[in-house]
Protein backbone atom coordinates (compact mmCIF):
# COMPACT_ATOMS: atom_id res chain seq x y z
CA MET A 1 -34.53 67.49 2.92
CA SER A 2 -31.97 65.23 1.25
CA SER A 3 -28.67 64.69 2.90
CA ALA A 4 -25.52 66.02 1.36
CA PRO A 5 -23.58 63.56 -0.74
CA PRO A 6 -20.40 62.16 0.73
CA ALA A 7 -17.15 63.81 -0.13
CA SER A 8 -15.33 62.52 -3.17
CA GLY A 9 -13.52 59.29 -2.45
CA HIS A 10 -15.29 58.79 0.88
CA ARG A 11 -17.49 55.79 1.47
CA PRO A 12 -20.15 55.89 4.17
CA ASP A 13 -19.96 53.48 7.05
CA ARG A 14 -21.63 50.16 6.27
CA PRO A 15 -21.61 48.23 9.54
CA THR A 16 -23.63 45.30 8.19
CA LEU A 17 -21.14 44.71 5.40
CA THR A 18 -18.31 45.17 7.87
CA LEU A 19 -19.88 42.44 9.98
CA LEU A 20 -20.22 40.14 6.96
CA ALA A 21 -16.54 40.56 6.12
CA ALA A 22 -15.51 39.95 9.73
CA CYS A 23 -17.71 36.87 10.01
CA LEU A 24 -16.31 35.39 6.81
CA GLY A 25 -12.79 35.87 8.13
CA PHE A 26 -13.66 34.08 11.36
CA VAL A 27 -15.42 31.31 9.41
CA VAL A 28 -12.37 30.59 7.26
CA VAL A 29 -10.02 30.44 10.24
CA ILE A 30 -12.28 28.15 12.32
CA LEU A 31 -13.20 26.04 9.30
CA ASP A 32 -9.56 25.28 8.71
CA VAL A 33 -9.18 23.88 12.21
CA SER A 34 -12.19 21.57 12.16
CA ILE A 35 -12.02 20.56 8.50
CA VAL A 36 -8.43 19.29 8.69
CA ASN A 37 -9.22 16.90 11.55
CA MET A 38 -11.20 14.76 9.11
CA ALA A 39 -8.13 14.35 6.89
CA THR A 40 -5.81 12.87 9.51
CA LYS A 41 -6.35 9.23 8.53
CA ALA A 42 -5.84 10.02 4.83
CA LEU A 43 -2.69 12.00 5.64
CA ALA A 44 -1.32 9.08 7.64
CA GLY A 45 -2.02 6.79 4.69
CA ASP A 46 -0.24 9.03 2.16
CA PHE A 47 2.70 10.19 4.26
CA GLY A 48 2.97 7.39 6.84
CA GLY A 49 2.74 9.88 9.71
CA SER A 50 2.47 8.88 13.38
CA VAL A 51 0.06 10.48 15.82
CA SER A 52 2.85 12.91 16.70
CA GLY A 53 3.25 13.84 13.03
CA LEU A 54 -0.48 14.41 12.71
CA GLU A 55 -0.38 16.59 15.81
CA TRP A 56 2.19 18.81 14.07
CA VAL A 57 -0.18 19.25 11.11
CA ILE A 58 -2.77 20.59 13.55
CA ASN A 59 -0.44 22.35 15.97
CA GLY A 60 1.89 23.88 13.37
CA TYR A 61 -1.09 26.02 12.40
CA THR A 62 -2.23 26.64 15.97
CA LEU A 63 1.29 27.49 17.16
CA THR A 64 1.87 30.41 14.81
CA PHE A 65 -1.76 31.45 15.10
CA ALA A 66 -1.28 31.84 18.84
CA ALA A 67 2.25 33.27 18.68
CA PHE A 68 1.46 36.10 16.26
CA LEU A 69 -2.00 37.09 17.50
CA LEU A 70 -0.67 39.72 19.89
CA THR A 71 1.54 41.36 17.28
CA ALA A 72 -1.32 41.14 14.77
CA GLY A 73 -3.61 42.92 17.22
CA ALA A 74 -1.04 45.66 17.72
CA MET A 75 -0.59 45.96 13.94
CA GLY A 76 -4.34 46.45 13.56
CA ASP A 77 -4.26 49.22 16.17
CA ARG A 78 -1.29 50.85 14.39
CA PHE A 79 -2.04 50.45 10.68
CA HIS A 80 -5.88 50.11 10.61
CA PRO A 81 -7.55 46.72 11.03
CA GLY A 82 -9.01 46.71 7.51
CA ARG A 83 -5.56 46.64 5.92
CA ILE A 84 -4.32 43.90 8.23
CA PHE A 85 -7.51 41.94 7.56
CA VAL A 86 -6.93 41.96 3.80
CA ALA A 87 -3.23 41.11 4.17
CA GLY A 88 -4.09 38.18 6.41
CA PHE A 89 -6.60 36.82 3.92
CA GLY A 90 -4.03 37.05 1.11
CA LEU A 91 -1.38 35.15 3.09
CA PHE A 92 -3.94 32.57 4.19
CA ALA A 93 -4.96 31.89 0.59
CA ALA A 94 -1.36 31.52 -0.61
CA ALA A 95 -0.50 29.17 2.26
CA SER A 96 -3.63 27.11 1.57
CA LEU A 97 -2.46 26.58 -2.00
CA ALA A 98 0.92 25.43 -0.67
CA CYS A 99 -0.77 23.02 1.76
CA GLY A 100 -2.82 21.48 -1.02
CA ALA A 101 0.24 20.98 -3.22
CA ALA A 102 2.52 19.69 -0.41
CA PRO A 103 4.65 16.69 -1.55
CA SER A 104 5.59 15.61 1.98
CA LEU A 105 4.50 15.88 5.58
CA GLY A 106 7.33 18.31 6.35
CA VAL A 107 6.29 20.69 3.58
CA LEU A 108 2.67 20.45 4.70
CA VAL A 109 3.60 21.38 8.27
CA ALA A 110 5.66 24.34 7.00
CA ALA A 111 2.73 25.58 4.91
CA ARG A 112 0.42 25.15 7.90
CA VAL A 113 2.78 27.39 9.88
CA ALA A 114 2.34 30.10 7.23
CA GLN A 115 -1.43 29.56 7.34
CA GLY A 116 -1.31 30.21 11.07
CA VAL A 117 0.34 33.60 10.53
CA GLY A 118 -2.42 34.54 8.09
CA ALA A 119 -5.07 33.41 10.56
CA ALA A 120 -3.41 35.51 13.28
CA LEU A 121 -3.73 38.59 11.08
CA ILE A 122 -7.39 37.87 10.31
CA VAL A 123 -8.98 37.18 13.70
CA PRO A 124 -8.11 40.18 15.91
CA SER A 125 -8.59 42.58 12.99
CA SER A 126 -12.02 41.06 12.28
CA LEU A 127 -13.08 41.61 15.88
CA SER A 128 -11.66 45.15 15.79
CA LEU A 129 -13.74 45.83 12.68
CA VAL A 130 -16.86 44.71 14.55
CA ASN A 131 -15.92 46.82 17.57
CA ALA A 132 -15.37 49.89 15.36
CA GLY A 133 -18.46 49.36 13.24
CA PHE A 134 -20.82 49.01 16.21
CA PRO A 135 -19.98 51.59 18.89
CA ASP A 136 -23.40 51.28 20.53
CA PRO A 137 -23.05 48.63 23.29
CA ALA A 138 -26.34 46.85 22.58
CA ARG A 139 -25.72 46.65 18.83
CA ARG A 140 -22.13 45.59 19.42
CA ALA A 141 -23.26 42.74 21.68
CA ARG A 142 -25.63 41.49 18.96
CA ALA A 143 -22.90 41.81 16.34
CA ILE A 144 -20.42 39.86 18.47
CA SER A 145 -23.02 37.13 18.98
CA LEU A 146 -23.41 36.86 15.19
CA TRP A 147 -19.62 36.87 14.76
CA ALA A 148 -19.31 34.03 17.28
CA ALA A 149 -22.25 32.21 15.64
CA ALA A 150 -20.39 32.38 12.33
CA GLY A 151 -17.54 30.52 14.03
CA GLY A 152 -20.09 28.05 15.38
CA LEU A 153 -21.40 27.54 11.84
CA ALA A 154 -17.87 26.81 10.66
CA LEU A 155 -17.45 24.31 13.49
CA ALA A 156 -20.74 22.65 12.56
CA LEU A 157 -19.99 22.46 8.86
CA GLY A 158 -16.24 21.86 9.07
CA PRO A 159 -16.19 18.15 9.96
CA VAL A 160 -19.05 17.37 7.57
CA VAL A 161 -17.56 19.32 4.67
CA GLY A 162 -14.12 17.92 5.48
CA GLY A 163 -15.39 14.34 5.44
CA LEU A 164 -17.24 14.85 2.14
CA LEU A 165 -14.22 16.48 0.51
CA VAL A 166 -11.80 13.79 1.70
CA ASP A 167 -14.08 10.98 0.54
CA GLY A 168 -14.92 12.65 -2.76
CA LEU A 169 -11.83 14.62 -3.82
CA GLY A 170 -9.02 13.61 -1.47
CA TRP A 171 -7.38 15.36 1.47
CA ARG A 172 -5.80 18.12 -0.64
CA SER A 173 -9.23 19.56 -1.36
CA VAL A 174 -9.71 20.55 2.30
CA PHE A 175 -7.00 23.17 1.77
CA TYR A 176 -7.95 24.28 -1.73
CA VAL A 177 -11.48 25.11 -0.54
CA ASN A 178 -10.02 28.04 1.43
CA VAL A 179 -8.90 29.87 -1.70
CA PRO A 180 -12.31 30.94 -3.11
CA LEU A 181 -13.52 31.81 0.39
CA ALA A 182 -10.48 34.02 0.91
CA ALA A 183 -11.05 35.67 -2.48
CA VAL A 184 -14.61 36.60 -1.49
CA GLY A 185 -13.39 37.93 1.84
CA ILE A 186 -10.76 40.12 0.21
CA LEU A 187 -13.23 41.46 -2.35
CA LEU A 188 -15.81 42.25 0.34
CA ALA A 189 -13.26 43.94 2.60
CA ARG A 190 -11.79 46.08 -0.17
CA THR A 191 -15.02 47.19 -1.81
CA ASP A 192 -17.63 47.36 0.93
CA ALA A 193 -16.37 46.92 4.48
CA ARG A 194 -14.93 50.39 5.10
CA PRO A 195 -15.62 51.44 8.71
CA ALA A 196 -14.47 54.76 10.07
CA PRO A 197 -10.72 54.79 10.62
CA VAL A 198 -9.56 53.66 14.02
CA ARG A 199 -8.22 56.65 15.93
CA THR A 200 -5.28 56.13 18.23
CA ALA A 201 -3.68 58.61 20.54
CA SER A 202 -0.27 57.50 19.30
CA ARG A 203 1.08 55.11 16.72
CA ARG A 204 2.12 51.98 18.57
CA SER A 205 5.51 50.52 17.72
CA LEU A 206 5.97 46.78 17.19
CA ASP A 207 7.51 44.87 20.07
CA LEU A 208 10.08 42.72 18.25
CA PRO A 209 11.84 41.33 21.39
CA GLY A 210 8.50 40.33 22.87
CA GLN A 211 7.44 38.71 19.59
CA LEU A 212 10.69 36.74 19.38
CA PHE A 213 10.38 35.45 22.94
CA ALA A 214 6.71 34.56 22.35
CA VAL A 215 7.50 32.49 19.24
CA VAL A 216 10.36 30.66 20.97
CA ALA A 217 8.34 30.00 24.13
CA LEU A 218 5.26 28.69 22.32
CA GLY A 219 7.35 26.69 19.86
CA ALA A 220 9.28 25.02 22.68
CA LEU A 221 6.10 24.33 24.65
CA THR A 222 4.43 22.77 21.61
CA ALA A 223 7.48 20.66 20.79
CA ALA A 224 7.73 19.40 24.37
CA ALA A 225 4.04 18.47 24.49
CA VAL A 226 3.90 16.83 21.05
CA GLU A 227 7.22 14.98 21.17
CA ALA A 228 6.41 13.54 24.60
CA ASN A 229 4.03 11.23 22.75
CA SER A 230 6.76 9.52 20.72
CA ARG A 231 9.89 10.14 22.81
CA GLY A 232 8.62 9.99 26.38
CA LEU A 233 8.31 12.64 29.07
CA THR A 234 11.87 12.13 30.35
CA SER A 235 13.67 12.21 26.99
CA ALA A 236 16.45 14.74 26.49
CA THR A 237 14.52 16.40 23.65
CA VAL A 238 11.38 16.92 25.72
CA LEU A 239 13.28 18.13 28.79
CA GLY A 240 15.39 20.47 26.64
CA CYS A 241 12.29 21.96 25.03
CA ALA A 242 10.70 22.40 28.45
CA ALA A 243 13.79 24.22 29.71
CA LEU A 244 13.86 26.45 26.61
CA PHE A 245 10.19 27.26 27.18
CA ALA A 246 10.88 28.34 30.77
CA VAL A 247 13.81 30.56 29.72
CA ALA A 248 11.88 32.15 26.83
CA LEU A 249 8.82 32.72 29.01
CA ALA A 250 10.96 34.50 31.59
CA GLY A 251 12.53 36.59 28.83
CA PHE A 252 9.08 37.48 27.51
CA ALA A 253 7.93 38.59 30.96
CA VAL A 254 10.99 40.82 31.38
CA ALA A 255 10.65 42.29 27.88
CA GLU A 256 6.99 43.13 28.40
CA ARG A 257 7.55 44.66 31.82
CA ARG A 258 10.45 46.85 30.69
CA GLY A 259 9.35 47.66 27.13
CA THR A 260 8.07 51.12 26.28
CA ASP A 261 5.31 49.74 24.03
CA PRO A 262 4.84 46.05 24.88
CA MET A 263 2.79 43.74 22.67
CA LEU A 264 1.11 42.45 25.84
CA PRO A 265 0.60 45.45 28.15
CA PRO A 266 0.80 44.09 31.73
CA ARG A 267 -1.78 46.66 32.86
CA LEU A 268 -4.48 44.77 30.96
CA PHE A 269 -4.30 42.03 33.58
CA ARG A 270 -4.97 44.44 36.43
CA ASP A 271 -8.63 44.01 35.56
CA ARG A 272 -9.82 40.72 37.06
CA THR A 273 -12.53 40.27 34.44
CA PHE A 274 -9.98 40.50 31.64
CA THR A 275 -7.68 38.01 33.38
CA ALA A 276 -10.50 35.58 34.13
CA THR A 277 -11.89 35.59 30.58
CA THR A 278 -8.39 35.05 29.19
CA LEU A 279 -7.96 31.92 31.31
CA VAL A 280 -11.50 30.71 30.58
CA GLY A 281 -10.77 30.98 26.86
CA ALA A 282 -7.66 28.81 27.21
CA LEU A 283 -9.54 26.14 29.17
CA LEU A 284 -12.45 26.13 26.71
CA ASN A 285 -10.21 25.51 23.69
CA PHE A 286 -8.15 22.96 25.62
CA ALA A 287 -11.31 20.92 26.08
CA PHE A 288 -12.92 21.44 22.69
CA TYR A 289 -10.04 21.20 20.21
CA GLY A 290 -8.29 18.44 22.10
CA LEU A 291 -11.45 16.33 21.90
CA VAL A 292 -12.12 17.16 18.24
CA PHE A 293 -8.64 15.84 17.39
CA VAL A 294 -8.96 12.67 19.48
CA CYS A 295 -12.57 11.96 18.45
CA GLY A 296 -11.67 12.36 14.78
CA ILE A 297 -9.10 9.56 15.20
CA PHE A 298 -11.41 7.52 17.45
CA PHE A 299 -14.43 7.54 15.15
CA GLN A 300 -12.37 6.42 12.16
CA GLN A 301 -9.96 3.96 13.77
CA ALA A 302 -11.94 2.51 16.70
CA TRP A 303 -15.43 2.57 15.20
CA GLY A 304 -14.42 2.24 11.55
CA TYR A 305 -16.27 5.35 10.34
CA SER A 306 -15.51 6.86 6.95
CA PRO A 307 -14.37 10.51 6.94
CA THR A 308 -17.90 11.56 5.95
CA ALA A 309 -19.52 9.53 8.74
CA ALA A 310 -16.97 10.86 11.24
CA GLY A 311 -17.78 14.41 10.18
CA LEU A 312 -21.51 13.80 10.54
CA ALA A 313 -20.89 12.42 14.03
CA PHE A 314 -19.77 15.90 15.11
CA LEU A 315 -22.76 17.66 13.61
CA PRO A 316 -25.21 17.48 16.57
CA MET A 317 -22.62 18.90 18.97
CA THR A 318 -21.40 21.67 16.69
CA ALA A 319 -24.97 22.56 15.68
CA ALA A 320 -25.69 22.98 19.38
CA VAL A 321 -22.66 25.27 19.61
CA MET A 322 -24.03 27.47 16.83
CA ALA A 323 -27.56 27.62 18.29
CA ALA A 324 -26.23 28.49 21.74
CA ASN A 325 -24.01 31.22 20.24
CA LEU A 326 -27.15 32.94 19.00
CA ALA A 327 -28.91 32.51 22.36
CA SER A 328 -25.95 33.78 24.37
CA GLY A 329 -26.22 37.44 23.33
CA PRO A 330 -29.79 37.98 24.58
CA LEU A 331 -28.96 36.10 27.80
CA VAL A 332 -25.95 38.35 28.41
CA ARG A 333 -28.04 41.46 27.80
CA ARG A 334 -30.67 40.25 30.26
CA HIS A 335 -28.57 38.62 33.01
CA GLY A 336 -25.00 39.80 32.52
CA ALA A 337 -21.90 37.91 31.42
CA ARG A 338 -21.02 36.12 34.66
CA PRO A 339 -24.06 33.83 35.08
CA VAL A 340 -23.95 32.91 31.38
CA LEU A 341 -20.26 32.02 31.65
CA VAL A 342 -20.77 29.94 34.79
CA ALA A 343 -23.80 28.11 33.38
CA GLY A 344 -22.16 27.46 30.01
CA ASN A 345 -18.96 26.05 31.50
CA LEU A 346 -20.87 23.83 33.92
CA LEU A 347 -23.20 22.56 31.19
CA ALA A 348 -20.26 21.66 28.94
CA ALA A 349 -18.41 19.99 31.81
CA VAL A 350 -21.45 17.85 32.68
CA GLY A 351 -21.87 16.82 29.03
CA TYR A 352 -18.29 15.65 28.63
CA LEU A 353 -18.10 13.93 32.01
CA ALA A 354 -21.37 12.10 31.34
CA ALA A 355 -20.04 10.85 27.99
CA ALA A 356 -16.92 9.26 29.49
CA PRO A 357 -18.55 6.01 30.72
CA ALA A 358 -20.34 5.48 27.39
CA VAL A 359 -17.46 5.59 24.90
CA GLY A 360 -16.73 1.87 25.24
CA ALA A 361 -20.24 0.88 24.15
CA HIS A 362 -19.43 1.14 20.41
CA SER A 363 -22.67 3.04 20.01
CA TYR A 364 -22.90 6.62 18.81
CA ALA A 365 -26.36 6.92 20.35
CA ALA A 366 -24.78 6.36 23.77
CA VAL A 367 -22.73 9.58 23.51
CA ALA A 368 -24.77 11.79 21.14
CA ALA A 369 -27.01 13.38 23.77
CA GLN A 370 -24.06 14.18 26.06
CA PHE A 371 -22.19 15.79 23.19
CA VAL A 372 -25.20 17.99 22.40
CA VAL A 373 -25.30 19.13 26.04
CA ALA A 374 -21.56 19.90 25.92
CA GLY A 375 -21.92 21.82 22.66
CA ALA A 376 -24.75 23.93 24.07
CA GLY A 377 -22.59 24.86 27.04
CA LEU A 378 -19.59 25.76 24.89
CA GLY A 379 -21.79 27.87 22.62
CA LEU A 380 -23.04 29.94 25.54
CA VAL A 381 -19.51 30.70 26.73
CA VAL A 382 -17.86 32.21 23.65
CA PRO A 383 -20.01 35.35 23.06
CA ALA A 384 -20.33 36.02 26.80
CA MET A 385 -16.58 35.69 27.25
CA THR A 386 -15.85 37.98 24.29
CA ASN A 387 -18.34 40.62 25.44
CA ALA A 388 -16.94 40.62 28.97
CA MET A 389 -13.36 40.90 27.70
CA LEU A 390 -14.11 43.83 25.36
CA GLY A 391 -16.03 45.57 28.12
CA ALA A 392 -13.06 45.23 30.50
CA ALA A 393 -10.36 46.39 28.07
CA ASP A 394 -9.43 49.97 27.18
CA PRO A 395 -11.04 50.62 23.76
CA ALA A 396 -7.73 52.07 22.57
CA HIS A 397 -6.30 48.54 22.90
CA ALA A 398 -9.23 46.64 21.38
CA GLY A 399 -6.96 44.92 18.84
CA VAL A 400 -4.42 43.85 21.45
CA ALA A 401 -7.17 42.74 23.84
CA SER A 402 -8.84 40.56 21.22
CA GLY A 403 -5.39 39.24 20.32
CA VAL A 404 -4.76 38.27 23.96
CA LEU A 405 -8.07 36.43 24.22
CA ASN A 406 -7.60 34.57 20.96
CA ALA A 407 -3.94 33.82 21.70
CA SER A 408 -4.89 32.29 25.04
CA ARG A 409 -7.55 30.21 23.30
CA GLN A 410 -5.10 28.95 20.70
CA VAL A 411 -2.51 28.09 23.34
CA GLY A 412 -5.23 26.15 25.13
CA GLY A 413 -6.13 24.42 21.86
CA LEU A 414 -2.59 23.34 21.02
CA LEU A 415 -2.08 22.04 24.57
CA GLY A 416 -5.39 20.19 24.31
CA VAL A 417 -4.32 18.47 21.08
CA ALA A 418 -0.91 17.61 22.55
CA VAL A 419 -2.15 16.39 25.94
CA MET A 420 -5.10 14.41 24.60
CA GLY A 421 -2.93 13.03 21.81
CA LEU A 422 -0.59 11.80 24.53
CA LEU A 423 -3.52 10.05 26.21
CA VAL A 424 -4.31 7.96 23.10
CA GLY A 425 -0.60 7.28 22.49
CA ASP A 426 0.16 5.69 19.13
CA GLY A 427 -3.52 5.30 18.23
CA ALA A 428 -3.50 1.53 18.71
CA PRO A 429 -7.05 0.12 19.09
CA GLY A 430 -6.41 -0.99 22.65
CA ARG A 431 -5.52 2.54 23.75
CA LEU A 432 -8.25 4.48 21.98
CA VAL A 433 -11.17 3.74 24.32
CA PRO A 434 -9.33 4.37 27.61
CA GLY A 435 -7.53 7.31 26.00
CA LEU A 436 -10.77 8.99 24.88
CA ARG A 437 -12.36 8.31 28.26
CA ALA A 438 -9.42 9.98 30.00
CA ALA A 439 -9.59 12.89 27.53
CA LEU A 440 -13.26 13.45 28.34
CA LEU A 441 -12.44 13.54 32.05
CA TRP A 442 -9.66 16.08 31.44
CA ALA A 443 -12.01 18.20 29.34
CA GLY A 444 -14.76 18.10 31.96
CA GLY A 445 -12.30 19.04 34.69
CA ALA A 446 -10.91 21.96 32.68
CA LEU A 447 -14.39 23.35 32.08
CA ALA A 448 -15.31 22.97 35.75
CA VAL A 449 -12.26 25.12 36.57
CA GLY A 450 -13.52 27.58 33.93
CA ALA A 451 -16.86 27.81 35.72
CA LEU A 452 -15.09 28.54 39.00
CA LEU A 453 -12.93 31.24 37.41
CA SER A 454 -16.01 32.82 35.88
CA ALA A 455 -17.79 32.86 39.22
CA VAL A 456 -14.97 34.49 41.18
CA GLY A 457 -13.21 36.50 38.46
CA VAL A 458 -15.88 38.11 36.28
CA ARG A 459 -17.49 41.17 37.85
CA VAL A 460 -21.24 41.28 38.26
CA THR A 461 -21.21 44.65 36.47
CA ALA A 462 -19.82 43.06 33.28
CA ARG A 463 -23.18 43.34 31.49
CA THR A 464 -21.85 45.03 28.29
CA ALA A 465 -25.20 45.11 26.49
CA ALA A 466 -27.90 45.18 29.12
CA LYS A 467 -28.26 48.94 28.91
CA ALA A 468 -31.09 51.09 27.68
CA PRO A 469 -30.46 52.89 24.37
CA ALA A 470 -30.56 56.29 26.07
CA GLU A 471 -27.94 55.25 28.56
CA ALA A 472 -25.82 53.83 25.76
CA ARG A 473 -25.98 57.18 24.01
CA ARG A 474 -24.95 59.00 27.16
CA ALA A 475 -21.92 56.77 27.62
CA PRO A 476 -20.81 55.61 24.17
CA VAL A 477 -17.86 53.33 23.72
CA PRO A 478 -15.12 55.44 22.09
CA VAL A 479 -13.51 54.13 18.92
CA ARG A 480 -9.85 55.00 18.79
């Protein structure tokens, strides 16, 4: 017997197309982080920027990405993630055009800030779309693994594509390439990716005081970390920014504790798994993005690589990230999130620490194997971390929860760029080798701490997908 046709104007759920739209959104956001690192030398040549100026090109994007993720997650819960997803793609495309046409470093940084807002709208809504489209725990775990693997693909292709574009068409092309990708994402989201509406018990209001304090706190923290490179740790500017960060952070804590509908509900952190995965995410991005920034400079300035060659140098590590992303989901279903998180963090830490003694050899072969090991470890962590976080959070706050995780990761990334940029100083040849060696030690130490947090903070029961289908049907994850 044929099924009844859908009501007029109603489109049936298409979870596969929803997943494609969400993956494309994540690809564009991650691509824009890794692809721009290959343009730093060209930007310095055109605009005469220092290492601090180049850090602002990277961190201007990361700053607003991190600062607006929580509000973006709440907006997805309030207005439907599909609408926020499309709006984020539109803003991202417009800002990318402005980046490509920027006549000065200041204008470029301002356009990167706008790009970061668009990215903040895209990422939590993309994860909410996956969460809504795949209510069955086992299918959701597989979908999240594919979503994370899409980010791994962007990481793998970003440096290579960035190097080819910079060598062939100039640095502006690394921003223009976002526009057709965003157009495809918008078209897919508007015509095909229509999951069932997210149901909420109440319409959440936007926490404007919390958002204001978050922007000021993260902006001050970023300014203090970046400007320490050129002005010194004890300069009045750096100390003033540090003091402003402390005041704004205290104001944020008070606003969230007293607010009726906070953008960062304090009760989320009562769950130790949620808290642990949030911290692990920050440490992971601290290590990875800090090293991508420093290695991009190192390969080109210390070893004399072209942008294309520098991009290819990242390929083995980022390919390992992508392959491990795909392997992580089945491992989580079989063994649970905690052992995968511990093993992944330890593997990445060992890879980076083992590479530190070899960076002075002026031989890529001396560090390639260690970077592959590190990439495999990082790739195992991301899907396991995301699955554990979603399993720990109230499904009614899936958008906010994904916003918290991604915000913590972006804060870790901007601190990684700032701290590791400080280690290489002004980029002089004499400082690059000891600076990169120190950065690798910092990265390995951060990931070792991540392994410890995973071991003591993530519950053994955080298995998210290792359930039989019948059990999953008896206890479905509600979509609200």
